[in-house]
Amino acid sequence: MTSQQLRALLEERGLSQLKLADLCRVNPRTVRRWCETDRQELPRSAMLLICHALKIPLDLETRP
């Protein structure tokens, strides 16, 4: 998942970065970093947190 995909997901679900931070139990600054435009791929740990918090499936086979 890229930063752009994360921003699109938040917009699609009507969630703010602050709400995602609350759901993931991380500092809002962390979510802001995840959403930066220059980030190509989010760290695996971030993807796991996001997918768990938003109850979406994570296809680990697509990740190295």
N, C-alpha and C. Protein backbone atom coordinates (compact mmCIF):
# COMPACT_ATOMS: atom_id res chain seq x y z
N MET A 1 0.85 -1.17 0.00
CA MET A 1 0.00 0.00 0.00
C MET A 1 0.90 1.24 0.00
N THR A 2 0.59 2.14 -0.90
CA THR A 2 1.34 3.39 -0.97
C THR A 2 0.63 4.47 -0.17
N SER A 3 1.30 5.58 0.02
CA SER A 3 0.69 6.71 0.72
C SER A 3 -0.54 7.20 -0.02
N GLN A 4 -0.44 7.23 -1.35
CA GLN A 4 -1.57 7.68 -2.16
C GLN A 4 -2.78 6.75 -1.97
N GLN A 5 -2.54 5.45 -1.93
CA GLN A 5 -3.62 4.49 -1.71
C GLN A 5 -4.22 4.67 -0.32
N LEU A 6 -3.39 4.95 0.66
CA LEU A 6 -3.90 5.17 2.01
C LEU A 6 -4.78 6.41 2.05
N ARG A 7 -4.34 7.49 1.43
CA ARG A 7 -5.15 8.71 1.41
C ARG A 7 -6.49 8.46 0.71
N ALA A 8 -6.46 7.70 -0.38
CA ALA A 8 -7.70 7.37 -1.10
C ALA A 8 -8.62 6.51 -0.22
N LEU A 9 -8.05 5.57 0.50
CA LEU A 9 -8.83 4.72 1.40
C LEU A 9 -9.50 5.55 2.49
N LEU A 10 -8.75 6.47 3.07
CA LEU A 10 -9.33 7.33 4.11
C LEU A 10 -10.47 8.17 3.54
N GLU A 11 -10.26 8.72 2.36
CA GLU A 11 -11.30 9.55 1.74
C GLU A 11 -12.54 8.71 1.43
N GLU A 12 -12.30 7.51 0.88
CA GLU A 12 -13.40 6.60 0.53
C GLU A 12 -14.25 6.25 1.75
N ARG A 13 -13.59 6.07 2.88
CA ARG A 13 -14.30 5.68 4.10
C ARG A 13 -14.72 6.87 4.96
N GLY A 14 -14.38 8.07 4.52
CA GLY A 14 -14.76 9.26 5.27
C GLY A 14 -14.05 9.38 6.61
N LEU A 15 -12.81 8.92 6.64
CA LEU A 15 -12.03 8.95 7.88
C LEU A 15 -10.96 10.03 7.82
N SER A 16 -10.70 10.63 8.94
CA SER A 16 -9.60 11.58 9.04
C SER A 16 -8.34 10.85 9.45
N GLN A 17 -7.21 11.51 9.28
CA GLN A 17 -5.96 10.94 9.76
C GLN A 17 -5.99 10.77 11.27
N LEU A 18 -6.63 11.73 11.95
CA LEU A 18 -6.73 11.65 13.40
C LEU A 18 -7.54 10.43 13.84
N LYS A 19 -8.63 10.14 13.13
CA LYS A 19 -9.45 8.97 13.46
C LYS A 19 -8.67 7.68 13.21
N LEU A 20 -7.92 7.63 12.11
CA LEU A 20 -7.12 6.44 11.84
C LEU A 20 -6.07 6.25 12.93
N ALA A 21 -5.46 7.33 13.37
CA ALA A 21 -4.48 7.24 14.45
C ALA A 21 -5.12 6.67 15.70
N ASP A 22 -6.33 7.11 15.99
CA ASP A 22 -7.05 6.60 17.15
C ASP A 22 -7.36 5.11 16.99
N LEU A 23 -7.83 4.71 15.82
CA LEU A 23 -8.15 3.30 15.57
C LEU A 23 -6.91 2.41 15.66
N CYS A 24 -5.78 2.93 15.18
CA CYS A 24 -4.53 2.15 15.19
C CYS A 24 -3.76 2.30 16.49
N ARG A 25 -4.24 3.21 17.33
CA ARG A 25 -3.58 3.49 18.62
C ARG A 25 -2.13 3.91 18.43
N VAL A 26 -1.97 4.85 17.49
CA VAL A 26 -0.65 5.44 17.24
C VAL A 26 -0.77 6.96 17.33
N ASN A 27 0.36 7.61 17.41
CA ASN A 27 0.39 9.07 17.44
C ASN A 27 -0.09 9.61 16.10
N PRO A 28 -0.91 10.67 16.11
CA PRO A 28 -1.36 11.25 14.84
C PRO A 28 -0.22 11.63 13.90
N ARG A 29 0.92 12.00 14.45
CA ARG A 29 2.09 12.32 13.63
C ARG A 29 2.52 11.10 12.81
N THR A 30 2.36 9.92 13.36
CA THR A 30 2.72 8.69 12.65
C THR A 30 1.86 8.54 11.40
N VAL A 31 0.56 8.77 11.54
CA VAL A 31 -0.34 8.66 10.39
C VAL A 31 -0.01 9.73 9.35
N ARG A 32 0.32 10.92 9.80
CA ARG A 32 0.71 11.97 8.85
C ARG A 32 1.92 11.51 8.03
N ARG A 33 2.87 10.85 8.68
CA ARG A 33 4.05 10.34 7.97
C ARG A 33 3.64 9.28 6.95
N TRP A 34 2.72 8.40 7.34
CA TRP A 34 2.25 7.36 6.42
C TRP A 34 1.61 7.98 5.19
N CYS A 35 0.98 9.13 5.35
CA CYS A 35 0.24 9.78 4.25
C CYS A 35 1.10 10.72 3.42
N GLU A 36 2.37 10.85 3.74
CA GLU A 36 3.23 11.74 2.96
C GLU A 36 3.24 11.32 1.50
N THR A 37 3.31 12.32 0.63
CA THR A 37 3.21 12.04 -0.80
C THR A 37 4.43 11.33 -1.37
N ASP A 38 5.58 11.45 -0.74
CA ASP A 38 6.78 10.85 -1.32
C ASP A 38 7.02 9.41 -0.89
N ARG A 39 6.18 8.87 -0.05
CA ARG A 39 6.37 7.50 0.44
C ARG A 39 5.79 6.51 -0.57
N GLN A 40 6.61 5.63 -1.10
CA GLN A 40 6.15 4.66 -2.08
C GLN A 40 5.39 3.50 -1.44
N GLU A 41 5.99 2.85 -0.48
CA GLU A 41 5.36 1.72 0.19
C GLU A 41 5.37 1.95 1.69
N LEU A 42 4.25 1.67 2.32
CA LEU A 42 4.20 1.76 3.77
C LEU A 42 4.93 0.55 4.36
N PRO A 43 5.49 0.73 5.55
CA PRO A 43 6.11 -0.43 6.21
C PRO A 43 5.06 -1.52 6.47
N ARG A 44 5.51 -2.75 6.47
CA ARG A 44 4.60 -3.88 6.70
C ARG A 44 3.84 -3.72 8.02
N SER A 45 4.51 -3.25 9.05
CA SER A 45 3.83 -3.09 10.35
C SER A 45 2.70 -2.07 10.26
N ALA A 46 2.90 -1.01 9.49
CA ALA A 46 1.86 0.00 9.31
C ALA A 46 0.68 -0.60 8.54
N MET A 47 0.99 -1.35 7.50
CA MET A 47 -0.08 -1.97 6.72
C MET A 47 -0.90 -2.93 7.58
N LEU A 48 -0.23 -3.69 8.43
CA LEU A 48 -0.94 -4.62 9.31
C LEU A 48 -1.86 -3.86 10.27
N LEU A 49 -1.35 -2.79 10.86
CA LEU A 49 -2.17 -1.99 11.78
C LEU A 49 -3.40 -1.41 11.07
N ILE A 50 -3.17 -0.84 9.91
CA ILE A 50 -4.25 -0.20 9.16
C ILE A 50 -5.31 -1.23 8.77
N CYS A 51 -4.88 -2.34 8.21
CA CYS A 51 -5.82 -3.37 7.78
C CYS A 51 -6.60 -3.95 8.95
N HIS A 52 -5.94 -4.14 10.05
CA HIS A 52 -6.62 -4.66 11.24
C HIS A 52 -7.63 -3.64 11.76
N ALA A 53 -7.23 -2.39 11.86
CA ALA A 53 -8.10 -1.34 12.40
C ALA A 53 -9.32 -1.10 11.50
N LEU A 54 -9.12 -1.19 10.19
CA LEU A 54 -10.22 -0.93 9.25
C LEU A 54 -10.93 -2.20 8.81
N LYS A 55 -10.48 -3.33 9.35
CA LYS A 55 -11.09 -4.62 9.04
C LYS A 55 -11.13 -4.90 7.54
N ILE A 56 -9.97 -4.72 6.92
CA ILE A 56 -9.85 -5.03 5.50
C ILE A 56 -8.81 -6.15 5.33
N PRO A 57 -8.99 -7.00 4.33
CA PRO A 57 -8.03 -8.09 4.14
C PRO A 57 -6.68 -7.58 3.66
N LEU A 58 -5.65 -8.25 4.09
CA LEU A 58 -4.30 -7.90 3.68
C LEU A 58 -3.72 -9.10 2.95
N ASP A 59 -3.32 -8.88 1.71
CA ASP A 59 -2.72 -9.94 0.91
C ASP A 59 -1.21 -9.89 1.08
N LEU A 60 -0.69 -10.65 2.02
CA LEU A 60 0.73 -10.63 2.31
C LEU A 60 1.56 -11.24 1.17
N GLU A 61 0.92 -11.97 0.30
CA GLU A 61 1.65 -12.59 -0.81
C GLU A 61 2.17 -11.53 -1.78
N THR A 62 1.58 -10.36 -1.81
CA THR A 62 2.02 -9.33 -2.73
C THR A 62 3.19 -8.53 -2.17
N ARG A 63 3.54 -8.74 -0.93
CA ARG A 63 4.64 -8.02 -0.30
C ARG A 63 5.89 -8.87 -0.30
N PRO A 64 7.06 -8.25 -0.47
CA PRO A 64 8.31 -9.01 -0.42
C PRO A 64 8.62 -9.48 0.99
